[in-house]
Amino acid sequence: MSEKKQQVSRRQFLNYTLTGVGGFMAAGMLVPMLGMAVDPILKKSSSGDLANINLAVDDITNEPQRVDWKVDQVDAWYESQVSKSAWVYKNDNGDIVALSPICKHLGCVVSWEGSEQYPDQFYCPCHAGRYTKDGVNVPNTPPLAPLDVYESKVENGMLYLGNAHPRGEA
């Protein structure tokens, strides 16, 4: 081992100093960007929130009926109420089914018995898309997927609905 102390030249000192200051400035710029990228992941999701749609379970029949309700939406600092709709009915087993009225072809709104040619079906007027009562798309019609299904819960005799999910995810 050598007992000589290694001297730092001016050039090395400036190099170390500028590298340290540059790294500090780069970190100061990257940390806020990283925070903005990670913050939405860490935020609590409101996807599990169910809204009371003011429909008593006793009022639900085996004939699909359209139900409209509003939910509060917060978008950054802007708060608003968003209108939502669903087709609600009881199936043959007595289970409540809540279907999204949005056609899976082009996003038009389907209606129950909307066509005289196809009674007892959901009908999309945009491109003659059809769905059976349970929301399954009729083969050889424009929609390629069944209607989305809403999360639902019955509490104190009232129906609560959440978000609509594609079949298999609900």
N, C-alpha and C. Protein backbone atom coordinates (compact mmCIF):
# COMPACT_ATOMS: atom_id res chain seq x y z
N MET A 1 0.83 -1.18 0.00
CA MET A 1 0.00 0.00 0.00
C MET A 1 0.87 1.24 0.00
N SER A 2 0.43 2.15 -0.69
CA SER A 2 1.17 3.41 -0.78
C SER A 2 0.64 4.37 0.26
N GLU A 3 1.55 5.10 0.89
CA GLU A 3 1.13 6.05 1.90
C GLU A 3 0.95 7.44 1.33
N LYS A 4 1.08 7.56 0.03
CA LYS A 4 0.86 8.85 -0.61
C LYS A 4 -0.62 9.14 -0.67
N LYS A 5 -0.99 10.35 -0.34
CA LYS A 5 -2.37 10.78 -0.49
C LYS A 5 -2.58 11.22 -1.93
N GLN A 6 -3.65 10.76 -2.48
CA GLN A 6 -3.92 11.13 -3.86
C GLN A 6 -4.60 12.49 -3.87
N GLN A 7 -4.04 13.39 -4.57
CA GLN A 7 -4.58 14.75 -4.66
C GLN A 7 -5.65 14.79 -5.75
N VAL A 8 -6.70 15.58 -5.51
CA VAL A 8 -7.76 15.78 -6.49
C VAL A 8 -7.42 17.04 -7.28
N SER A 9 -7.35 16.88 -8.57
CA SER A 9 -7.03 18.05 -9.39
C SER A 9 -8.26 18.93 -9.54
N ARG A 10 -8.03 20.15 -10.04
CA ARG A 10 -9.16 21.07 -10.26
C ARG A 10 -10.15 20.46 -11.25
N ARG A 11 -9.62 19.84 -12.27
CA ARG A 11 -10.48 19.26 -13.30
C ARG A 11 -11.36 18.16 -12.69
N GLN A 12 -10.82 17.29 -11.88
CA GLN A 12 -11.60 16.24 -11.24
C GLN A 12 -12.63 16.83 -10.28
N PHE A 13 -12.23 17.84 -9.52
CA PHE A 13 -13.15 18.49 -8.58
C PHE A 13 -14.35 19.08 -9.32
N LEU A 14 -14.08 19.81 -10.41
CA LEU A 14 -15.18 20.38 -11.20
C LEU A 14 -16.04 19.27 -11.82
N ASN A 15 -15.41 18.21 -12.27
CA ASN A 15 -16.14 17.10 -12.86
C ASN A 15 -17.08 16.47 -11.81
N TYR A 16 -16.58 16.19 -10.63
CA TYR A 16 -17.41 15.63 -9.55
C TYR A 16 -18.53 16.58 -9.16
N THR A 17 -18.22 17.85 -9.03
CA THR A 17 -19.21 18.85 -8.61
C THR A 17 -20.32 18.98 -9.65
N LEU A 18 -19.96 19.12 -10.92
CA LEU A 18 -20.97 19.26 -11.97
C LEU A 18 -21.81 17.99 -12.13
N THR A 19 -21.19 16.83 -11.98
CA THR A 19 -21.94 15.58 -12.04
C THR A 19 -22.95 15.50 -10.89
N GLY A 20 -22.55 15.87 -9.70
CA GLY A 20 -23.45 15.86 -8.54
C GLY A 20 -24.58 16.84 -8.70
N VAL A 21 -24.28 18.06 -9.12
CA VAL A 21 -25.33 19.08 -9.31
C VAL A 21 -26.28 18.66 -10.43
N GLY A 22 -25.75 18.12 -11.53
CA GLY A 22 -26.59 17.65 -12.64
C GLY A 22 -27.49 16.51 -12.22
N GLY A 23 -26.96 15.58 -11.45
CA GLY A 23 -27.78 14.47 -10.95
C GLY A 23 -28.87 14.95 -10.02
N PHE A 24 -28.55 15.92 -9.16
CA PHE A 24 -29.55 16.48 -8.26
C PHE A 24 -30.67 17.17 -9.05
N MET A 25 -30.31 17.92 -10.09
CA MET A 25 -31.30 18.61 -10.91
C MET A 25 -32.16 17.61 -11.70
N ALA A 26 -31.53 16.55 -12.22
CA ALA A 26 -32.28 15.54 -12.96
C ALA A 26 -33.27 14.83 -12.04
N ALA A 27 -32.84 14.53 -10.81
CA ALA A 27 -33.74 13.89 -9.85
C ALA A 27 -34.90 14.83 -9.51
N GLY A 28 -34.62 16.12 -9.39
CA GLY A 28 -35.67 17.10 -9.11
C GLY A 28 -36.70 17.17 -10.21
N MET A 29 -36.30 16.90 -11.44
CA MET A 29 -37.26 16.90 -12.56
C MET A 29 -38.00 15.56 -12.67
N LEU A 30 -37.34 14.45 -12.39
CA LEU A 30 -37.93 13.13 -12.58
C LEU A 30 -38.87 12.71 -11.46
N VAL A 31 -38.61 13.13 -10.24
CA VAL A 31 -39.45 12.71 -9.11
C VAL A 31 -40.91 13.15 -9.28
N PRO A 32 -41.20 14.41 -9.65
CA PRO A 32 -42.61 14.76 -9.86
C PRO A 32 -43.26 13.98 -11.00
N MET A 33 -42.52 13.72 -12.07
CA MET A 33 -43.08 12.95 -13.18
C MET A 33 -43.38 11.52 -12.74
N LEU A 34 -42.49 10.94 -11.99
CA LEU A 34 -42.71 9.59 -11.48
C LEU A 34 -43.91 9.57 -10.53
N GLY A 35 -44.04 10.60 -9.71
CA GLY A 35 -45.19 10.71 -8.81
C GLY A 35 -46.50 10.79 -9.57
N MET A 36 -46.52 11.54 -10.66
CA MET A 36 -47.74 11.65 -11.46
C MET A 36 -48.07 10.33 -12.15
N ALA A 37 -47.05 9.56 -12.51
CA ALA A 37 -47.29 8.28 -13.17
C ALA A 37 -47.77 7.22 -12.19
N VAL A 38 -47.29 7.25 -10.96
CA VAL A 38 -47.62 6.22 -9.98
C VAL A 38 -48.88 6.56 -9.19
N ASP A 39 -49.22 7.83 -9.04
CA ASP A 39 -50.35 8.24 -8.22
C ASP A 39 -51.68 7.59 -8.62
N PRO A 40 -52.04 7.51 -9.91
CA PRO A 40 -53.31 6.86 -10.25
C PRO A 40 -53.36 5.39 -9.85
N ILE A 41 -52.22 4.74 -9.84
CA ILE A 41 -52.18 3.32 -9.47
C ILE A 41 -52.47 3.17 -7.98
N LEU A 42 -51.99 4.11 -7.18
CA LEU A 42 -52.15 4.01 -5.73
C LEU A 42 -53.48 4.54 -5.24
N LYS A 43 -54.22 5.29 -6.09
CA LYS A 43 -55.50 5.84 -5.68
C LYS A 43 -56.53 4.75 -5.52
N LYS A 44 -57.41 4.91 -4.54
CA LYS A 44 -58.47 3.96 -4.31
C LYS A 44 -59.49 4.06 -5.44
N SER A 45 -59.85 2.93 -5.99
CA SER A 45 -60.80 2.91 -7.09
C SER A 45 -62.21 2.95 -6.54
N SER A 46 -63.09 3.64 -7.26
CA SER A 46 -64.49 3.68 -6.85
C SER A 46 -65.31 2.71 -7.67
N SER A 47 -64.64 1.74 -8.34
CA SER A 47 -65.35 0.82 -9.21
C SER A 47 -66.31 -0.08 -8.44
N GLY A 48 -66.07 -0.30 -7.15
CA GLY A 48 -66.94 -1.16 -6.37
C GLY A 48 -68.15 -0.45 -5.80
N ASP A 49 -68.26 0.86 -6.02
CA ASP A 49 -69.37 1.61 -5.47
C ASP A 49 -70.66 1.27 -6.20
N LEU A 50 -71.69 0.97 -5.42
CA LEU A 50 -73.00 0.67 -5.99
C LEU A 50 -73.94 1.83 -5.70
N ALA A 51 -74.77 2.16 -6.69
CA ALA A 51 -75.70 3.28 -6.54
C ALA A 51 -77.12 2.76 -6.40
N ASN A 52 -77.89 3.40 -5.52
CA ASN A 52 -79.30 3.09 -5.37
C ASN A 52 -80.03 3.69 -6.57
N ILE A 53 -80.67 2.84 -7.35
CA ILE A 53 -81.34 3.33 -8.56
C ILE A 53 -82.83 3.60 -8.33
N ASN A 54 -83.25 3.59 -7.05
CA ASN A 54 -84.64 3.87 -6.67
C ASN A 54 -85.63 2.94 -7.35
N LEU A 55 -85.30 1.66 -7.34
CA LEU A 55 -86.19 0.64 -7.89
C LEU A 55 -86.34 -0.46 -6.85
N ALA A 56 -87.57 -0.66 -6.39
CA ALA A 56 -87.84 -1.73 -5.42
C ALA A 56 -87.82 -3.07 -6.13
N VAL A 57 -87.31 -4.07 -5.46
CA VAL A 57 -87.22 -5.41 -6.04
C VAL A 57 -88.61 -5.94 -6.38
N ASP A 58 -89.61 -5.57 -5.60
CA ASP A 58 -90.98 -6.03 -5.86
C ASP A 58 -91.53 -5.46 -7.16
N ASP A 59 -90.99 -4.35 -7.64
CA ASP A 59 -91.46 -3.72 -8.88
C ASP A 59 -90.82 -4.31 -10.13
N ILE A 60 -89.85 -5.18 -9.95
CA ILE A 60 -89.16 -5.77 -11.09
C ILE A 60 -89.94 -6.99 -11.56
N THR A 61 -90.23 -7.02 -12.86
CA THR A 61 -90.99 -8.12 -13.45
C THR A 61 -90.07 -8.93 -14.36
N ASN A 62 -90.66 -9.92 -15.05
CA ASN A 62 -89.85 -10.69 -16.00
C ASN A 62 -89.80 -10.02 -17.37
N GLU A 63 -90.41 -8.87 -17.50
CA GLU A 63 -90.35 -8.05 -18.72
C GLU A 63 -89.29 -6.97 -18.52
N PRO A 64 -88.29 -6.88 -19.41
CA PRO A 64 -87.25 -5.86 -19.23
C PRO A 64 -87.82 -4.45 -19.19
N GLN A 65 -87.39 -3.69 -18.21
CA GLN A 65 -87.81 -2.29 -18.10
C GLN A 65 -86.56 -1.41 -18.00
N ARG A 66 -86.63 -0.26 -18.65
CA ARG A 66 -85.48 0.64 -18.65
C ARG A 66 -85.49 1.46 -17.37
N VAL A 67 -84.32 1.55 -16.75
CA VAL A 67 -84.14 2.30 -15.52
C VAL A 67 -83.04 3.32 -15.76
N ASP A 68 -83.31 4.58 -15.41
CA ASP A 68 -82.31 5.65 -15.53
C ASP A 68 -81.99 6.17 -14.14
N TRP A 69 -80.71 6.48 -13.89
CA TRP A 69 -80.28 7.06 -12.63
C TRP A 69 -79.06 7.91 -12.87
N LYS A 70 -78.66 8.66 -11.86
CA LYS A 70 -77.50 9.53 -11.96
C LYS A 70 -76.49 9.15 -10.89
N VAL A 71 -75.21 9.27 -11.25
CA VAL A 71 -74.13 9.03 -10.30
C VAL A 71 -73.22 10.25 -10.28
N ASP A 72 -72.64 10.50 -9.12
CA ASP A 72 -71.69 11.61 -9.00
C ASP A 72 -70.35 11.18 -9.57
N GLN A 73 -69.75 12.07 -10.34
CA GLN A 73 -68.45 11.80 -10.94
C GLN A 73 -67.51 12.94 -10.62
N VAL A 74 -66.31 12.60 -10.17
CA VAL A 74 -65.30 13.61 -9.89
C VAL A 74 -64.18 13.42 -10.90
N ASP A 75 -63.94 14.44 -11.69
CA ASP A 75 -62.89 14.42 -12.70
C ASP A 75 -61.93 15.55 -12.38
N ALA A 76 -60.83 15.20 -11.70
CA ALA A 76 -59.87 16.19 -11.18
C ALA A 76 -60.63 17.08 -10.21
N TRP A 77 -60.82 18.35 -10.52
CA TRP A 77 -61.53 19.25 -9.62
C TRP A 77 -62.96 19.50 -10.08
N TYR A 78 -63.37 18.91 -11.20
CA TYR A 78 -64.71 19.11 -11.74
C TYR A 78 -65.64 17.99 -11.28
N GLU A 79 -66.70 18.36 -10.60
CA GLU A 79 -67.68 17.39 -10.14
C GLU A 79 -68.94 17.53 -10.97
N SER A 80 -69.51 16.39 -11.38
CA SER A 80 -70.73 16.42 -12.19
C SER A 80 -71.55 15.18 -11.90
N GLN A 81 -72.76 15.19 -12.43
CA GLN A 81 -73.62 14.02 -12.33
C GLN A 81 -73.75 13.41 -13.72
N VAL A 82 -73.52 12.11 -13.81
CA VAL A 82 -73.57 11.41 -15.08
C VAL A 82 -74.81 10.53 -15.11
N SER A 83 -75.53 10.57 -16.20
CA SER A 83 -76.72 9.73 -16.36
C SER A 83 -76.32 8.34 -16.81
N LYS A 84 -76.95 7.34 -16.23
CA LYS A 84 -76.71 5.94 -16.61
C LYS A 84 -78.07 5.28 -16.83
N SER A 85 -78.06 4.20 -17.60
CA SER A 85 -79.28 3.45 -17.90
C SER A 85 -79.00 1.96 -17.84
N ALA A 86 -80.05 1.20 -17.62
CA ALA A 86 -79.94 -0.26 -17.62
C ALA A 86 -81.30 -0.84 -17.96
N TRP A 87 -81.27 -2.03 -18.55
CA TRP A 87 -82.48 -2.82 -18.75
C TRP A 87 -82.51 -3.85 -17.63
N VAL A 88 -83.53 -3.80 -16.79
CA VAL A 88 -83.61 -4.65 -15.60
C VAL A 88 -84.83 -5.56 -15.70
N TYR A 89 -84.64 -6.85 -15.35
CA TYR A 89 -85.75 -7.80 -15.30
C TYR A 89 -85.35 -8.99 -14.43
N LYS A 90 -86.32 -9.84 -14.13
CA LYS A 90 -86.04 -11.09 -13.42
C LYS A 90 -86.07 -12.23 -14.43
N ASN A 91 -85.05 -13.10 -14.37
CA ASN A 91 -85.02 -14.24 -15.29
C ASN A 91 -85.92 -15.36 -14.77
N ASP A 92 -85.92 -16.49 -15.46
CA ASP A 92 -86.81 -17.60 -15.10
C ASP A 92 -86.52 -18.16 -13.71
N ASN A 93 -85.29 -18.00 -13.22
CA ASN A 93 -84.92 -18.48 -11.88
C ASN A 93 -85.28 -17.48 -10.79
N GLY A 94 -85.75 -16.29 -11.17
CA GLY A 94 -86.08 -15.25 -10.20
C GLY A 94 -84.90 -14.36 -9.87
N ASP A 95 -83.76 -14.56 -10.55
CA ASP A 95 -82.59 -13.71 -10.34
C ASP A 95 -82.75 -12.41 -11.11
N ILE A 96 -82.23 -11.34 -10.53
CA ILE A 96 -82.31 -10.03 -11.18
C ILE A 96 -81.17 -9.90 -12.17
N VAL A 97 -81.51 -9.47 -13.38
CA VAL A 97 -80.53 -9.26 -14.45
C VAL A 97 -80.58 -7.79 -14.82
N ALA A 98 -79.42 -7.14 -14.86
CA ALA A 98 -79.32 -5.73 -15.27
C ALA A 98 -78.33 -5.64 -16.43
N LEU A 99 -78.84 -5.28 -17.60
CA LEU A 99 -78.03 -5.23 -18.81
C LEU A 99 -77.77 -3.79 -19.23
N SER A 100 -76.59 -3.56 -19.77
CA SER A 100 -76.26 -2.25 -20.32
C SER A 100 -77.03 -2.06 -21.63
N PRO A 101 -77.53 -0.85 -21.90
CA PRO A 101 -78.25 -0.61 -23.14
C PRO A 101 -77.34 -0.24 -24.31
N ILE A 102 -76.03 -0.31 -24.11
CA ILE A 102 -75.08 0.11 -25.14
C ILE A 102 -74.74 -1.07 -26.05
N CYS A 103 -75.04 -0.92 -27.33
CA CYS A 103 -74.76 -1.96 -28.32
C CYS A 103 -73.25 -2.16 -28.45
N LYS A 104 -72.83 -3.40 -28.56
CA LYS A 104 -71.41 -3.72 -28.65
C LYS A 104 -70.86 -3.55 -30.07
N HIS A 105 -71.70 -3.16 -31.01
CA HIS A 105 -71.24 -2.96 -32.37
C HIS A 105 -70.69 -1.55 -32.56
N LEU A 106 -71.54 -0.53 -32.38
CA LEU A 106 -71.10 0.85 -32.58
C LEU A 106 -71.45 1.77 -31.42
N GLY A 107 -71.96 1.22 -30.34
CA GLY A 107 -72.24 2.04 -29.16
C GLY A 107 -73.58 2.74 -29.19
N CYS A 108 -74.47 2.34 -30.06
CA CYS A 108 -75.82 2.92 -30.07
C CYS A 108 -76.61 2.36 -28.89
N VAL A 109 -77.78 2.91 -28.64
CA VAL A 109 -78.61 2.47 -27.52
C VAL A 109 -79.65 1.47 -28.04
N VAL A 110 -79.68 0.29 -27.42
CA VAL A 110 -80.65 -0.73 -27.80
C VAL A 110 -81.93 -0.53 -27.02
N SER A 111 -83.03 -1.01 -27.59
CA SER A 111 -84.31 -0.92 -26.88
C SER A 111 -84.99 -2.28 -26.93
N TRP A 112 -85.78 -2.54 -25.90
CA TRP A 112 -86.51 -3.81 -25.81
C TRP A 112 -87.70 -3.74 -26.74
N GLU A 113 -87.87 -4.76 -27.55
CA GLU A 113 -88.95 -4.83 -28.53
C GLU A 113 -88.96 -3.58 -29.41
N GLY A 114 -87.77 -3.14 -29.80
CA GLY A 114 -87.64 -1.93 -30.62
C GLY A 114 -87.99 -2.13 -32.07
N SER A 115 -88.22 -3.38 -32.48
CA SER A 115 -88.57 -3.66 -33.87
C SER A 115 -89.80 -4.55 -33.91
N GLU A 116 -90.74 -4.22 -34.81
CA GLU A 116 -91.95 -5.04 -34.95
C GLU A 116 -91.62 -6.41 -35.54
N GLN A 117 -90.56 -6.48 -36.34
CA GLN A 117 -90.17 -7.76 -36.95
C GLN A 117 -89.60 -8.74 -35.92
N TYR A 118 -88.97 -8.24 -34.88
CA TYR A 118 -88.30 -9.10 -33.91
C TYR A 118 -88.81 -8.81 -32.50
N PRO A 119 -90.01 -9.26 -32.18
CA PRO A 119 -90.51 -9.05 -30.81
C PRO A 119 -89.71 -9.91 -29.83
N ASP A 120 -89.74 -9.52 -28.59
CA ASP A 120 -89.03 -10.22 -27.52
C ASP A 120 -87.53 -10.26 -27.74
N GLN A 121 -86.98 -9.21 -28.35
CA GLN A 121 -85.54 -9.07 -28.51
C GLN A 121 -85.15 -7.61 -28.29
N PHE A 122 -83.88 -7.44 -27.88
CA PHE A 122 -83.32 -6.09 -27.85
C PHE A 122 -82.90 -5.77 -29.28
N TYR A 123 -83.19 -4.53 -29.71
CA TYR A 123 -82.93 -4.14 -31.10
C TYR A 123 -82.13 -2.85 -31.13
N CYS A 124 -81.09 -2.83 -31.95
CA CYS A 124 -80.28 -1.64 -32.14
C CYS A 124 -80.65 -1.02 -33.49
N PRO A 125 -81.14 0.21 -33.48
CA PRO A 125 -81.61 0.81 -34.73
C PRO A 125 -80.48 1.24 -35.67
N CYS A 126 -79.26 1.32 -35.21
CA CYS A 126 -78.17 1.81 -36.07
C CYS A 126 -77.88 0.89 -37.24
N HIS A 127 -77.71 -0.39 -36.97
CA HIS A 127 -77.39 -1.34 -38.03
C HIS A 127 -78.16 -2.64 -37.86
N ALA A 128 -79.36 -2.57 -37.31
CA ALA A 128 -80.25 -3.73 -37.14
C ALA A 128 -79.61 -4.82 -36.30
N GLY A 129 -78.87 -4.43 -35.28
CA GLY A 129 -78.29 -5.40 -34.36
C GLY A 129 -79.37 -5.94 -33.43
N ARG A 130 -79.26 -7.22 -33.09
CA ARG A 130 -80.27 -7.83 -32.23
C ARG A 130 -79.61 -8.65 -31.13
N TYR A 131 -80.30 -8.68 -29.98
CA TYR A 131 -79.87 -9.46 -28.82
C TYR A 131 -81.07 -10.20 -28.27
N THR A 132 -80.86 -11.41 -27.75
CA THR A 132 -81.94 -12.13 -27.10
C THR A 132 -82.24 -11.47 -25.75
N LYS A 133 -83.26 -11.93 -25.08
CA LYS A 133 -83.67 -11.32 -23.82
C LYS A 133 -82.55 -11.34 -22.77
N ASP A 134 -81.72 -12.37 -22.78
CA ASP A 134 -80.63 -12.44 -21.80
C ASP A 134 -79.40 -11.65 -22.23
N GLY A 135 -79.50 -10.88 -23.32
CA GLY A 135 -78.42 -10.00 -23.74
C GLY A 135 -77.39 -10.63 -24.66
N VAL A 136 -77.62 -11.86 -25.09
CA VAL A 136 -76.68 -12.54 -25.99
C VAL A 136 -76.96 -12.09 -27.41
N ASN A 137 -75.90 -11.78 -28.15
CA ASN A 137 -76.07 -11.31 -29.51
C ASN A 137 -76.58 -12.43 -30.41
N VAL A 138 -77.51 -12.07 -31.31
CA VAL A 138 -78.07 -13.03 -32.26
C VAL A 138 -77.04 -13.28 -33.36
N PRO A 139 -76.74 -14.54 -33.68
CA PRO A 139 -75.75 -14.82 -34.72
C PRO A 139 -76.14 -14.18 -36.06
N ASN A 140 -75.13 -13.82 -36.83
CA ASN A 140 -75.29 -13.20 -38.15
C ASN A 140 -75.91 -11.82 -38.11
N THR A 141 -75.79 -11.14 -36.98
CA THR A 141 -76.18 -9.73 -36.89
C THR A 141 -74.91 -8.96 -36.52
N PRO A 142 -74.90 -7.64 -36.72
CA PRO A 142 -73.65 -6.88 -36.52
C PRO A 142 -72.96 -7.02 -35.15
N PRO A 143 -73.67 -7.06 -34.02
CA PRO A 143 -72.92 -7.15 -32.76
C PRO A 143 -72.14 -8.45 -32.66
N LEU A 144 -70.90 -8.35 -32.22
CA LEU A 144 -70.05 -9.54 -32.10
C LEU A 144 -69.90 -10.00 -30.67
N ALA A 145 -70.54 -9.30 -29.72
CA ALA A 145 -70.42 -9.67 -28.31
C ALA A 145 -71.75 -9.39 -27.62
N PRO A 146 -72.01 -10.09 -26.52
CA PRO A 146 -73.25 -9.85 -25.77
C PRO A 146 -73.21 -8.51 -25.03
N LEU A 147 -74.37 -8.06 -24.61
CA LEU A 147 -74.48 -6.82 -23.83
C LEU A 147 -73.74 -6.97 -22.51
N ASP A 148 -73.18 -5.87 -22.03
CA ASP A 148 -72.50 -5.89 -20.73
C ASP A 148 -73.51 -6.07 -19.61
N VAL A 149 -73.04 -6.61 -18.49
CA VAL A 149 -73.89 -6.87 -17.33
C VAL A 149 -73.44 -5.97 -16.18
N TYR A 150 -74.41 -5.36 -15.49
CA TYR A 150 -74.10 -4.50 -14.35
C TYR A 150 -73.89 -5.34 -13.09
N GLU A 151 -72.96 -4.89 -12.23
CA GLU A 151 -72.86 -5.45 -10.89
C GLU A 151 -74.16 -5.08 -10.18
N SER A 152 -74.71 -5.99 -9.40
CA SER A 152 -75.96 -5.67 -8.72
C SER A 152 -75.97 -6.24 -7.31
N LYS A 153 -76.78 -5.61 -6.47
CA LYS A 153 -76.93 -6.05 -5.09
C LYS A 153 -78.31 -5.61 -4.62
N VAL A 154 -78.96 -6.45 -3.83
CA VAL A 154 -80.25 -6.12 -3.25
C VAL A 154 -80.03 -5.87 -1.77
N GLU A 155 -80.50 -4.72 -1.32
CA GLU A 155 -80.36 -4.37 0.10
C GLU A 155 -81.62 -3.65 0.55
N ASN A 156 -82.23 -4.16 1.60
CA ASN A 156 -83.47 -3.59 2.15
C ASN A 156 -84.56 -3.46 1.09
N GLY A 157 -84.64 -4.44 0.21
CA GLY A 157 -85.68 -4.44 -0.81
C GLY A 157 -85.45 -3.50 -1.97
N MET A 158 -84.29 -2.85 -2.02
CA MET A 158 -83.97 -1.93 -3.11
C MET A 158 -82.82 -2.50 -3.93
N LEU A 159 -82.82 -2.18 -5.23
CA LEU A 159 -81.77 -2.64 -6.13
C LEU A 159 -80.67 -1.60 -6.23
N TYR A 160 -79.43 -2.05 -6.09
CA TYR A 160 -78.25 -1.20 -6.25
C TYR A 160 -77.46 -1.72 -7.44
N LEU A 161 -77.00 -0.80 -8.30
CA LEU A 161 -76.20 -1.18 -9.46
C LEU A 161 -74.85 -0.49 -9.42
N GLY A 162 -73.83 -1.18 -9.92
CA GLY A 162 -72.48 -0.64 -9.99
C GLY A 162 -72.07 -0.38 -11.42
N ASN A 163 -70.90 -0.85 -11.79
CA ASN A 163 -70.39 -0.66 -13.14
C ASN A 163 -70.78 -1.84 -14.03
N ALA A 164 -70.87 -1.56 -15.33
CA ALA A 164 -71.15 -2.61 -16.31
C ALA A 164 -69.85 -3.29 -16.71
N HIS A 165 -69.89 -4.62 -16.82
CA HIS A 165 -68.71 -5.40 -17.20
C HIS A 165 -69.08 -6.33 -18.33
N PRO A 166 -68.14 -6.60 -19.23
CA PRO A 166 -68.40 -7.62 -20.26
C PRO A 166 -68.70 -8.97 -19.64
N ARG A 167 -69.41 -9.81 -20.35
CA ARG A 167 -69.73 -11.15 -19.84
C ARG A 167 -68.46 -11.88 -19.48
N GLY A 168 -68.51 -12.64 -18.41
CA GLY A 168 -67.35 -13.38 -17.96
C GLY A 168 -66.57 -12.62 -16.90
N GLU A 169 -66.71 -11.29 -16.84
CA GLU A 169 -66.01 -10.48 -15.84
C GLU A 169 -66.95 -10.09 -14.71
N ALA A 170 -68.24 -10.21 -14.90
CA ALA A 170 -69.20 -9.75 -13.90
C ALA A 170 -69.29 -10.72 -12.75
